[in-house]
Amino acid sequence: MGKKKDEIKRLRQDCADAYQIIGYLASEANLFETKEVEKALDNIYAAAAGEPRPHDDLIPFAPKAKQTAKKKIRHSPRMLG
């Protein structure tokens, strides 16, 4: 029984690590606040905590990036002289 407990502990730690990595990558890709990523993080968090999976509708996974706050400045013809 000790071997299975050790394996569960390791897998839960792997899920906790994956949660951090996915969160970071999603943030860098401007996907952090998408519903798809939130669901994925919820599922991974639950796995790390040994809780039931909250979302069964994660796949297909195709989040769309949110627009950044940076906008291109468009010059009107009057501004360009």
Protein backbone atom coordinates (compact mmCIF):
# COMPACT_ATOMS: atom_id res chain seq x y z
CA MET A 1 0.00 0.00 0.00
CA GLY A 2 2.93 2.38 0.63
CA LYS A 3 3.97 2.24 -3.02
CA LYS A 4 0.53 3.39 -4.21
CA LYS A 5 0.47 6.23 -1.66
CA ASP A 6 3.89 7.37 -2.83
CA GLU A 7 2.74 7.25 -6.44
CA ILE A 8 -0.41 9.26 -5.66
CA LYS A 9 1.67 11.82 -3.77
CA ARG A 10 4.07 12.14 -6.72
CA LEU A 11 1.23 12.47 -9.24
CA ARG A 12 -0.44 15.15 -7.14
CA GLN A 13 2.84 17.05 -7.00
CA ASP A 14 3.18 16.69 -10.78
CA CYS A 15 -0.30 18.21 -11.13
CA ALA A 16 0.61 21.08 -8.80
CA ASP A 17 3.74 21.73 -10.88
CA ALA A 18 1.72 21.57 -14.12
CA TYR A 19 -0.76 24.08 -12.66
CA GLN A 20 2.03 26.60 -12.16
CA ILE A 21 3.57 25.97 -15.58
CA ILE A 22 0.27 26.17 -17.46
CA GLY A 23 -0.68 29.33 -15.60
CA TYR A 24 2.62 30.95 -16.53
CA LEU A 25 2.46 29.87 -20.17
CA ALA A 26 -1.16 30.96 -20.48
CA SER A 27 -0.26 34.35 -19.06
CA GLU A 28 2.63 34.76 -21.49
CA ALA A 29 0.35 33.80 -24.39
CA ASN A 30 -2.36 36.22 -23.21
CA LEU A 31 -4.72 33.28 -22.62
CA PHE A 32 -4.84 33.30 -18.82
CA GLU A 33 -8.34 34.76 -18.47
CA THR A 34 -10.01 32.53 -21.05
CA LYS A 35 -12.72 30.10 -19.94
CA GLU A 36 -10.82 27.18 -21.48
CA VAL A 37 -7.65 27.86 -19.49
CA GLU A 38 -9.64 28.50 -16.31
CA LYS A 39 -11.34 25.12 -16.72
CA ALA A 40 -7.99 23.39 -17.36
CA LEU A 41 -6.49 24.99 -14.24
CA ASP A 42 -9.58 24.04 -12.21
CA ASN A 43 -9.19 20.40 -13.29
CA ILE A 44 -5.47 20.31 -12.56
CA TYR A 45 -5.98 21.97 -9.18
CA ALA A 46 -8.64 19.39 -8.30
CA ALA A 47 -6.32 16.54 -9.33
CA ALA A 48 -3.51 17.99 -7.20
CA ALA A 49 -5.85 18.24 -4.23
CA GLY A 50 -7.41 14.81 -4.71
CA GLU A 51 -10.81 16.36 -5.40
CA PRO A 52 -13.40 15.39 -8.05
CA ARG A 53 -12.86 16.76 -11.54
CA PRO A 54 -15.04 19.88 -11.90
CA HIS A 55 -15.15 20.06 -15.72
CA ASP A 56 -15.80 17.21 -18.15
CA ASP A 57 -16.10 19.53 -21.15
CA LEU A 58 -12.46 20.62 -21.48
CA ILE A 59 -11.81 18.95 -24.83
CA PRO A 60 -11.74 20.22 -27.54
CA PHE A 61 -9.32 22.84 -26.19
CA ALA A 62 -8.97 25.89 -28.44
CA PRO A 63 -8.78 29.15 -26.47
CA LYS A 64 -8.58 32.46 -28.27
CA ALA A 65 -6.15 35.11 -27.02
CA LYS A 66 -7.63 38.15 -25.37
CA GLN A 67 -6.73 41.49 -26.89
CA THR A 68 -3.94 43.28 -25.07
CA ALA A 69 -4.30 46.77 -23.69
CA LYS A 70 -1.74 47.97 -26.21
CA LYS A 71 -3.36 49.39 -29.30
CA LYS A 72 -1.73 50.59 -32.45
CA ILE A 73 -1.85 54.32 -32.81
CA ARG A 74 -3.42 55.29 -36.08
CA HIS A 75 -2.53 58.66 -37.45
CA SER A 76 -5.10 60.65 -39.29
CA PRO A 77 -3.99 62.36 -42.54
CA ARG A 78 -4.05 65.72 -40.71
CA MET A 79 -1.53 64.45 -38.15
CA LEU A 80 0.91 63.33 -40.80
CA GLY A 81 1.08 66.78 -42.36
